[in-house]
Structure formats: structure tokens, C-alpha cells
Amino acid sequence: MKIIVRDVPPRAAWALEQTGVHPLLARLYAARGVSTKEQLDTTLCADLLKRVQAGEPVTLTLCGDRSALRYERRQKTVFERIKGGFRGVLGLKPAYLLLRQL
């Protein structure tokens, strides 16, 4: 294995550090030509995040060895908003809180 020494543009490394990237990783990325944090995430998740932020309905299916989980992001209907308001009054907890207690 041969180690290649590269020049690090200080402005690009500093800009990456300011966006929350670890300083060592910022230097490595800047040496490779990365100048913004958005360039680091080129996966489908970045596209899905942009669509969610724009308010579009998004469906994501995660498949594992034993099961598949499906998440759907969409606008809540009026009935779902009303039902969610009564959930706290009736003492019903969301499922994720019940799982957290286990």
C-alpha cells in the first residue's frame, strides 16, 4: 500500500468543519476535492430527505434478514389529527414509547 500525500485547501477544510464534520475528516474530504457537506451524501436518502422537506409523500421500505419495515410519510388527515389529540387524553401511549420501556 502506498500513502499519497495531498495538499489540503484550507478554506474547504474550514467550511466542512463549520458544518459539523470532524476536523480530521474535513481535511481528508477537502484533500479529495469535497467542499460542501451536501457532496458527501449522494445516496437515495438525500433525495428522499429533499422530497420530505418539500412536503411530498414518501414511502421507505427497510428490508432486513428477518423482517421488512415500511415507513410512509404523508400529510395527516383531519381524523388522524383528532385521534392523535385524544390519545393523550385517554392515556394511550404511542407504540415507540411502549417499546422503549421493554
C-alpha atoms as a PDB file:
ATOM      1  CA  MET A   1       0.000   0.000   0.000  1.00  0.00           C
ATOM      2  CA  LYS A   2       1.328   3.414  -0.906  1.00  0.00           C
ATOM      3  CA  ILE A   3       0.353   6.532   1.034  1.00  0.00           C
ATOM      4  CA  ILE A   4      -0.293   9.539  -1.170  1.00  0.00           C
ATOM      5  CA  VAL A   5       0.311  12.957   0.363  1.00  0.00           C
ATOM      6  CA  ARG A   6      -2.166  15.528  -0.946  1.00  0.00           C
ATOM      7  CA  ASP A   7      -2.499  19.250  -0.498  1.00  0.00           C
ATOM      8  CA  VAL A   8      -5.423  20.326   1.678  1.00  0.00           C
ATOM      9  CA  PRO A   9      -7.242  23.525   0.645  1.00  0.00           C
ATOM     10  CA  PRO A  10      -7.632  25.318   3.987  1.00  0.00           C
ATOM     11  CA  ARG A  11     -10.856  27.119   3.042  1.00  0.00           C
ATOM     12  CA  ALA A  12     -12.595  23.912   2.012  1.00  0.00           C
ATOM     13  CA  ALA A  13     -11.467  22.124   5.187  1.00  0.00           C
ATOM     14  CA  TRP A  14     -12.625  25.058   7.326  1.00  0.00           C
ATOM     15  CA  ALA A  15     -16.001  25.196   5.555  1.00  0.00           C
ATOM     16  CA  LEU A  16     -16.555  21.481   6.198  1.00  0.00           C
ATOM     17  CA  GLU A  17     -15.590  21.888   9.855  1.00  0.00           C
ATOM     18  CA  GLN A  18     -18.128  24.688  10.235  1.00  0.00           C
ATOM     19  CA  THR A  19     -20.911  22.386   9.012  1.00  0.00           C
ATOM     20  CA  GLY A  20     -20.162  19.848  11.756  1.00  0.00           C
ATOM     21  CA  VAL A  21     -17.738  17.471  10.051  1.00  0.00           C
ATOM     22  CA  HIS A  22     -14.949  16.200  12.313  1.00  0.00           C
ATOM     23  CA  PRO A  23     -11.716  18.186  11.660  1.00  0.00           C
ATOM     24  CA  LEU A  24      -9.726  15.136  10.562  1.00  0.00           C
ATOM     25  CA  LEU A  25     -12.458  14.002   8.169  1.00  0.00           C
ATOM     26  CA  ALA A  26     -12.814  17.581   6.918  1.00  0.00           C
ATOM     27  CA  ARG A  27      -9.131  17.616   5.951  1.00  0.00           C
ATOM     28  CA  LEU A  28      -9.394  14.222   4.251  1.00  0.00           C
ATOM     29  CA  TYR A  29     -12.517  15.208   2.314  1.00  0.00           C
ATOM     30  CA  ALA A  30     -11.042  18.599   1.333  1.00  0.00           C
ATOM     31  CA  ALA A  31      -7.927  16.867   0.008  1.00  0.00           C
ATOM     32  CA  ARG A  32     -10.199  14.724  -2.162  1.00  0.00           C
ATOM     33  CA  GLY A  33     -11.999  17.785  -3.566  1.00  0.00           C
ATOM     34  CA  VAL A  34     -15.124  17.848  -1.387  1.00  0.00           C
ATOM     35  CA  SER A  35     -16.071  21.422  -0.486  1.00  0.00           C
ATOM     36  CA  THR A  36     -19.620  21.175   0.923  1.00  0.00           C
ATOM     37  CA  LYS A  37     -21.389  18.755   3.234  1.00  0.00           C
ATOM     38  CA  GLU A  38     -24.073  18.080   0.610  1.00  0.00           C
ATOM     39  CA  GLN A  39     -21.454  16.465  -1.621  1.00  0.00           C
ATOM     40  CA  LEU A  40     -20.906  13.769   0.994  1.00  0.00           C
ATOM     41  CA  ASP A  41     -24.420  12.341   0.822  1.00  0.00           C
ATOM     42  CA  THR A  42     -25.112  11.089  -2.703  1.00  0.00           C
ATOM     43  CA  THR A  43     -27.434   8.272  -1.693  1.00  0.00           C
ATOM     44  CA  LEU A  44     -31.126   7.909  -2.292  1.00  0.00           C
ATOM     45  CA  CYS A  45     -31.704   9.045   1.288  1.00  0.00           C
ATOM     46  CA  ALA A  46     -30.560  12.556   0.363  1.00  0.00           C
ATOM     47  CA  ASP A  47     -33.169  12.661  -2.412  1.00  0.00           C
ATOM     48  CA  LEU A  48     -35.842  11.322  -0.063  1.00  0.00           C
ATOM     49  CA  LEU A  49     -34.959  13.959   2.533  1.00  0.00           C
ATOM     50  CA  LYS A  50     -35.334  16.734  -0.037  1.00  0.00           C
ATOM     51  CA  ARG A  51     -38.745  15.359  -1.049  1.00  0.00           C
ATOM     52  CA  VAL A  52     -39.888  15.130   2.581  1.00  0.00           C
ATOM     53  CA  GLN A  53     -38.779  18.702   3.244  1.00  0.00           C
ATOM     54  CA  ALA A  54     -40.730  19.792   0.163  1.00  0.00           C
ATOM     55  CA  GLY A  55     -43.872  18.159   1.614  1.00  0.00           C
ATOM     56  CA  GLU A  56     -44.183  15.323  -0.894  1.00  0.00           C
ATOM     57  CA  PRO A  57     -45.446  11.909   0.275  1.00  0.00           C
ATOM     58  CA  VAL A  58     -42.554   9.442   0.610  1.00  0.00           C
ATOM     59  CA  THR A  59     -42.550   5.689   1.260  1.00  0.00           C
ATOM     60  CA  LEU A  60     -39.426   3.913   2.503  1.00  0.00           C
ATOM     61  CA  THR A  61     -39.110   0.146   2.926  1.00  0.00           C
ATOM     62  CA  LEU A  62     -36.247  -1.246   5.012  1.00  0.00           C
ATOM     63  CA  CYS A  63     -35.542  -4.930   4.491  1.00  0.00           C
ATOM     64  CA  GLY A  64     -33.571  -6.997   6.952  1.00  0.00           C
ATOM     65  CA  ASP A  65     -32.776 -10.657   7.451  1.00  0.00           C
ATOM     66  CA  ARG A  66     -35.978 -11.461   9.317  1.00  0.00           C
ATOM     67  CA  SER A  67     -38.461  -8.728   8.560  1.00  0.00           C
ATOM     68  CA  ALA A  68     -39.236  -5.748   6.418  1.00  0.00           C
ATOM     69  CA  LEU A  69     -40.356  -2.394   7.813  1.00  0.00           C
ATOM     70  CA  ARG A  70     -42.297   0.146   5.798  1.00  0.00           C
ATOM     71  CA  TYR A  71     -42.382   3.831   6.678  1.00  0.00           C
ATOM     72  CA  GLU A  72     -44.717   6.223   4.958  1.00  0.00           C
ATOM     73  CA  ARG A  73     -44.516   9.991   5.239  1.00  0.00           C
ATOM     74  CA  ARG A  74     -47.645  11.847   4.179  1.00  0.00           C
ATOM     75  CA  GLN A  75     -49.933  14.593   5.377  1.00  0.00           C
ATOM     76  CA  LYS A  76     -52.223  13.582   8.240  1.00  0.00           C
ATOM     77  CA  THR A  77     -55.943  13.592   7.621  1.00  0.00           C
ATOM     78  CA  VAL A  78     -58.315  15.535   9.855  1.00  0.00           C
ATOM     79  CA  PHE A  79     -59.461  12.307  11.520  1.00  0.00           C
ATOM     80  CA  GLU A  80     -55.859  11.279  12.303  1.00  0.00           C
ATOM     81  CA  ARG A  81     -55.165  14.677  13.867  1.00  0.00           C
ATOM     82  CA  ILE A  82     -58.294  14.435  16.041  1.00  0.00           C
ATOM     83  CA  LYS A  83     -57.465  10.858  17.037  1.00  0.00           C
ATOM     84  CA  GLY A  84     -53.929  11.928  17.985  1.00  0.00           C
ATOM     85  CA  GLY A  85     -55.329  14.632  20.249  1.00  0.00           C
ATOM     86  CA  PHE A  86     -57.499  12.143  22.143  1.00  0.00           C
ATOM     87  CA  ARG A  87     -54.638   9.694  22.536  1.00  0.00           C
ATOM     88  CA  GLY A  88     -53.043  11.842  25.257  1.00  0.00           C
ATOM     89  CA  VAL A  89     -56.391  12.402  26.982  1.00  0.00           C
ATOM     90  CA  LEU A  90     -57.271   8.702  27.063  1.00  0.00           C
ATOM     91  CA  GLY A  91     -53.837   7.732  28.379  1.00  0.00           C
ATOM     92  CA  LEU A  92     -52.824   5.699  25.335  1.00  0.00           C
ATOM     93  CA  LYS A  93     -49.118   5.872  24.636  1.00  0.00           C
ATOM     94  CA  PRO A  94     -47.529   5.697  21.187  1.00  0.00           C
ATOM     95  CA  ALA A  95     -46.032   2.330  20.297  1.00  0.00           C
ATOM     96  CA  TYR A  96     -42.443   3.562  20.291  1.00  0.00           C
ATOM     97  CA  LEU A  97     -42.767   4.570  23.966  1.00  0.00           C
ATOM     98  CA  LEU A  98     -44.027   1.117  24.861  1.00  0.00           C
ATOM     99  CA  LEU A  99     -41.090  -0.484  23.054  1.00  0.00           C
ATOM    100  CA  ARG A 100     -38.666   1.819  24.823  1.00  0.00           C
ATOM    101  CA  GLN A 101     -39.911   0.525  28.218  1.00  0.00           C
ATOM    102  CA  LEU A 102     -39.211  -3.094  27.229  1.00  0.00           C
END
